[in-house]
Amino acid sequence: MMKTRMSDLLPTGITANKKTKELTVTWSDGHESTYPFSLLRHACPCAECRGGHDQMSDEPPREVFYMPIEDSPGTQLVNIERVGSYGITIEWADGHHYGIYNWHYLRALCPCSICREMMIYGQ
């Protein structure tokens, strides 16, 4: 049986629930990822949030998983837009809208215990 590479995974559905403040992505392998809006904002992949182009990475920084969940204009989702065939960008209530969450980065950001273990141990 051939193992699916994370880079081959594509979303089959994306929904944002502003009441629960969560984004849910269903993936082509059947996995469902639920992201608190606060996690998405803490992990914004733009150069400004990462501290410059030299700090950008294909993987989210590990510390974003341990940051407190906030409710502020910076974590209130206004809009999601698809970016080509490779990702999404999110507009936040504080006007920030620069990060492009490509599919690989978004899956690597999945906070569930299965995905966290895969990212940590490379399984």
C-alpha atoms as a PDB file:
ATOM      1  CA  MET A   1       0.000   0.000   0.000  1.00  0.00           C
ATOM      2  CA  MET A   2       1.415   3.378  -1.018  1.00  0.00           C
ATOM      3  CA  LYS A   3       1.561   6.005   1.711  1.00  0.00           C
ATOM      4  CA  THR A   4       0.145   9.459   0.875  1.00  0.00           C
ATOM      5  CA  ARG A   5       2.709  12.232   1.179  1.00  0.00           C
ATOM      6  CA  MET A   6       1.562  15.300   3.038  1.00  0.00           C
ATOM      7  CA  SER A   7       2.449  17.427   0.008  1.00  0.00           C
ATOM      8  CA  ASP A   8      -0.099  15.453  -2.060  1.00  0.00           C
ATOM      9  CA  LEU A   9      -3.011  16.190   0.271  1.00  0.00           C
ATOM     10  CA  LEU A  10      -5.649  18.627  -0.903  1.00  0.00           C
ATOM     11  CA  PRO A  11      -8.695  19.999   0.873  1.00  0.00           C
ATOM     12  CA  THR A  12     -12.078  18.711  -0.227  1.00  0.00           C
ATOM     13  CA  GLY A  13     -13.978  21.174   1.960  1.00  0.00           C
ATOM     14  CA  ILE A  14     -13.286  24.286   4.021  1.00  0.00           C
ATOM     15  CA  THR A  15     -15.769  25.873   6.416  1.00  0.00           C
ATOM     16  CA  ALA A  16     -15.413  28.714   8.894  1.00  0.00           C
ATOM     17  CA  ASN A  17     -17.629  28.908  11.947  1.00  0.00           C
ATOM     18  CA  LYS A  18     -17.491  32.417  13.373  1.00  0.00           C
ATOM     19  CA  LYS A  19     -19.597  31.382  16.377  1.00  0.00           C
ATOM     20  CA  THR A  20     -17.126  28.691  17.561  1.00  0.00           C
ATOM     21  CA  LYS A  21     -14.169  30.630  16.071  1.00  0.00           C
ATOM     22  CA  GLU A  22     -12.902  27.591  14.179  1.00  0.00           C
ATOM     23  CA  LEU A  23     -11.931  26.731  10.628  1.00  0.00           C
ATOM     24  CA  THR A  24     -12.543  23.135   9.569  1.00  0.00           C
ATOM     25  CA  VAL A  25     -10.745  21.552   6.622  1.00  0.00           C
ATOM     26  CA  THR A  26     -11.636  18.126   5.251  1.00  0.00           C
ATOM     27  CA  TRP A  27      -8.681  16.578   3.396  1.00  0.00           C
ATOM     28  CA  SER A  28      -8.458  14.212   0.431  1.00  0.00           C
ATOM     29  CA  ASP A  29      -7.278  11.401   2.756  1.00  0.00           C
ATOM     30  CA  GLY A  30     -10.496  11.759   4.798  1.00  0.00           C
ATOM     31  CA  HIS A  31      -8.837  13.521   7.743  1.00  0.00           C
ATOM     32  CA  GLU A  32     -10.640  16.515   9.247  1.00  0.00           C
ATOM     33  CA  SER A  33      -8.597  19.337  10.770  1.00  0.00           C
ATOM     34  CA  THR A  34     -10.191  21.904  13.090  1.00  0.00           C
ATOM     35  CA  TYR A  35      -8.176  25.072  13.643  1.00  0.00           C
ATOM     36  CA  PRO A  36      -9.025  27.677  16.288  1.00  0.00           C
ATOM     37  CA  PHE A  37      -8.870  31.117  14.638  1.00  0.00           C
ATOM     38  CA  SER A  38      -6.316  32.133  17.263  1.00  0.00           C
ATOM     39  CA  LEU A  39      -3.960  29.314  16.175  1.00  0.00           C
ATOM     40  CA  LEU A  40      -4.261  30.371  12.539  1.00  0.00           C
ATOM     41  CA  ARG A  41      -3.396  33.964  13.416  1.00  0.00           C
ATOM     42  CA  HIS A  42      -0.469  32.990  15.677  1.00  0.00           C
ATOM     43  CA  ALA A  43       0.863  30.856  12.825  1.00  0.00           C
ATOM     44  CA  CYS A  44       0.348  33.439  10.076  1.00  0.00           C
ATOM     45  CA  PRO A  45       2.987  32.580   7.466  1.00  0.00           C
ATOM     46  CA  CYS A  46       3.579  36.125   6.173  1.00  0.00           C
ATOM     47  CA  ALA A  47       7.026  37.721   6.385  1.00  0.00           C
ATOM     48  CA  GLU A  48       5.791  40.398   8.794  1.00  0.00           C
ATOM     49  CA  CYS A  49       4.453  37.861  11.317  1.00  0.00           C
ATOM     50  CA  ARG A  50       7.411  35.499  10.926  1.00  0.00           C
ATOM     51  CA  GLY A  51       9.923  38.285  11.538  1.00  0.00           C
ATOM     52  CA  GLY A  52      11.304  38.646   8.021  1.00  0.00           C
ATOM     53  CA  HIS A  53      11.860  36.493   4.954  1.00  0.00           C
ATOM     54  CA  ASP A  54      14.819  34.683   6.519  1.00  0.00           C
ATOM     55  CA  GLN A  55      12.497  33.350   9.281  1.00  0.00           C
ATOM     56  CA  MET A  56       9.914  31.863   6.904  1.00  0.00           C
ATOM     57  CA  SER A  57       9.502  28.083   6.750  1.00  0.00           C
ATOM     58  CA  ASP A  58       7.412  25.342   5.151  1.00  0.00           C
ATOM     59  CA  GLU A  59       6.379  24.256   8.649  1.00  0.00           C
ATOM     60  CA  PRO A  60       4.680  26.307  11.361  1.00  0.00           C
ATOM     61  CA  PRO A  61       6.824  27.193  14.371  1.00  0.00           C
ATOM     62  CA  ARG A  62       6.185  24.739  17.231  1.00  0.00           C
ATOM     63  CA  GLU A  63       5.550  27.490  19.770  1.00  0.00           C
ATOM     64  CA  VAL A  64       2.256  28.461  18.068  1.00  0.00           C
ATOM     65  CA  PHE A  65       0.671  25.316  19.519  1.00  0.00           C
ATOM     66  CA  TYR A  66       1.343  26.559  23.059  1.00  0.00           C
ATOM     67  CA  MET A  67       0.212  30.173  22.697  1.00  0.00           C
ATOM     68  CA  PRO A  68      -2.959  31.244  24.532  1.00  0.00           C
ATOM     69  CA  ILE A  69      -6.243  31.383  22.667  1.00  0.00           C
ATOM     70  CA  GLU A  70      -7.229  35.022  22.273  1.00  0.00           C
ATOM     71  CA  ASP A  71     -10.364  36.848  21.281  1.00  0.00           C
ATOM     72  CA  SER A  72      -9.331  40.133  19.718  1.00  0.00           C
ATOM     73  CA  PRO A  73      -9.742  41.850  16.335  1.00  0.00           C
ATOM     74  CA  GLY A  74      -6.533  40.062  15.342  1.00  0.00           C
ATOM     75  CA  THR A  75      -8.224  36.679  15.753  1.00  0.00           C
ATOM     76  CA  GLN A  76     -11.656  37.551  14.366  1.00  0.00           C
ATOM     77  CA  LEU A  77     -11.984  36.157  10.866  1.00  0.00           C
ATOM     78  CA  VAL A  78     -13.570  38.461   8.296  1.00  0.00           C
ATOM     79  CA  ASN A  79     -13.020  36.564   5.033  1.00  0.00           C
ATOM     80  CA  ILE A  80     -11.204  33.624   3.465  1.00  0.00           C
ATOM     81  CA  GLU A  81     -10.054  33.683  -0.149  1.00  0.00           C
ATOM     82  CA  ARG A  82      -8.589  30.921  -2.224  1.00  0.00           C
ATOM     83  CA  VAL A  83      -5.140  31.637  -3.649  1.00  0.00           C
ATOM     84  CA  GLY A  84      -4.759  29.819  -6.954  1.00  0.00           C
ATOM     85  CA  SER A  85      -4.829  26.054  -6.535  1.00  0.00           C
ATOM     86  CA  TYR A  86      -2.372  25.984  -3.652  1.00  0.00           C
ATOM     87  CA  GLY A  87      -3.786  27.746  -0.600  1.00  0.00           C
ATOM     88  CA  ILE A  88      -5.923  30.322   1.144  1.00  0.00           C
ATOM     89  CA  THR A  89      -5.455  33.765   2.609  1.00  0.00           C
ATOM     90  CA  ILE A  90      -7.375  35.010   5.613  1.00  0.00           C
ATOM     91  CA  GLU A  91      -8.516  38.554   6.312  1.00  0.00           C
ATOM     92  CA  TRP A  92      -8.693  39.411  10.013  1.00  0.00           C
ATOM     93  CA  ALA A  93     -10.793  42.139  11.661  1.00  0.00           C
ATOM     94  CA  ASP A  94      -7.662  44.184  12.437  1.00  0.00           C
ATOM     95  CA  GLY A  95      -7.038  44.492   8.666  1.00  0.00           C
ATOM     96  CA  HIS A  96      -4.214  41.930   8.441  1.00  0.00           C
ATOM     97  CA  HIS A  97      -4.503  39.769   5.292  1.00  0.00           C
ATOM     98  CA  TYR A  98      -0.987  39.026   4.063  1.00  0.00           C
ATOM     99  CA  GLY A  99      -0.321  35.378   4.907  1.00  0.00           C
ATOM    100  CA  ILE A 100      -0.830  32.642   2.337  1.00  0.00           C
ATOM    101  CA  TYR A 101      -1.540  29.329   4.029  1.00  0.00           C
ATOM    102  CA  ASN A 102      -0.548  26.796   1.384  1.00  0.00           C
ATOM    103  CA  TRP A 103      -2.019  23.288   1.676  1.00  0.00           C
ATOM    104  CA  HIS A 104       1.183  21.742   3.066  1.00  0.00           C
ATOM    105  CA  TYR A 105       1.557  24.451   5.721  1.00  0.00           C
ATOM    106  CA  LEU A 106      -2.121  24.230   6.676  1.00  0.00           C
ATOM    107  CA  ARG A 107      -1.982  20.444   7.108  1.00  0.00           C
ATOM    108  CA  ALA A 108       1.264  20.746   9.097  1.00  0.00           C
ATOM    109  CA  LEU A 109      -0.603  23.196  11.339  1.00  0.00           C
ATOM    110  CA  CYS A 110      -3.345  20.662  12.189  1.00  0.00           C
ATOM    111  CA  PRO A 111      -3.555  20.650  15.991  1.00  0.00           C
ATOM    112  CA  CYS A 112      -4.917  17.112  16.402  1.00  0.00           C
ATOM    113  CA  SER A 113      -2.799  14.604  18.310  1.00  0.00           C
ATOM    114  CA  ILE A 114      -2.312  12.352  15.257  1.00  0.00           C
ATOM    115  CA  CYS A 115      -0.910  15.144  13.085  1.00  0.00           C
ATOM    116  CA  ARG A 116       1.178  16.606  15.922  1.00  0.00           C
ATOM    117  CA  GLU A 117       2.806  13.207  16.450  1.00  0.00           C
ATOM    118  CA  MET A 118       3.469  12.834  12.718  1.00  0.00           C
ATOM    119  CA  MET A 119       5.116  16.255  12.594  1.00  0.00           C
ATOM    120  CA  ILE A 120       7.220  15.667  15.696  1.00  0.00           C
ATOM    121  CA  TYR A 121       8.300  12.104  14.952  1.00  0.00           C
ATOM    122  CA  GLY A 122       8.100  12.209  11.164  1.00  0.00           C
ATOM    123  CA  GLN A 123       5.899   9.145  10.902  1.00  0.00           C
END
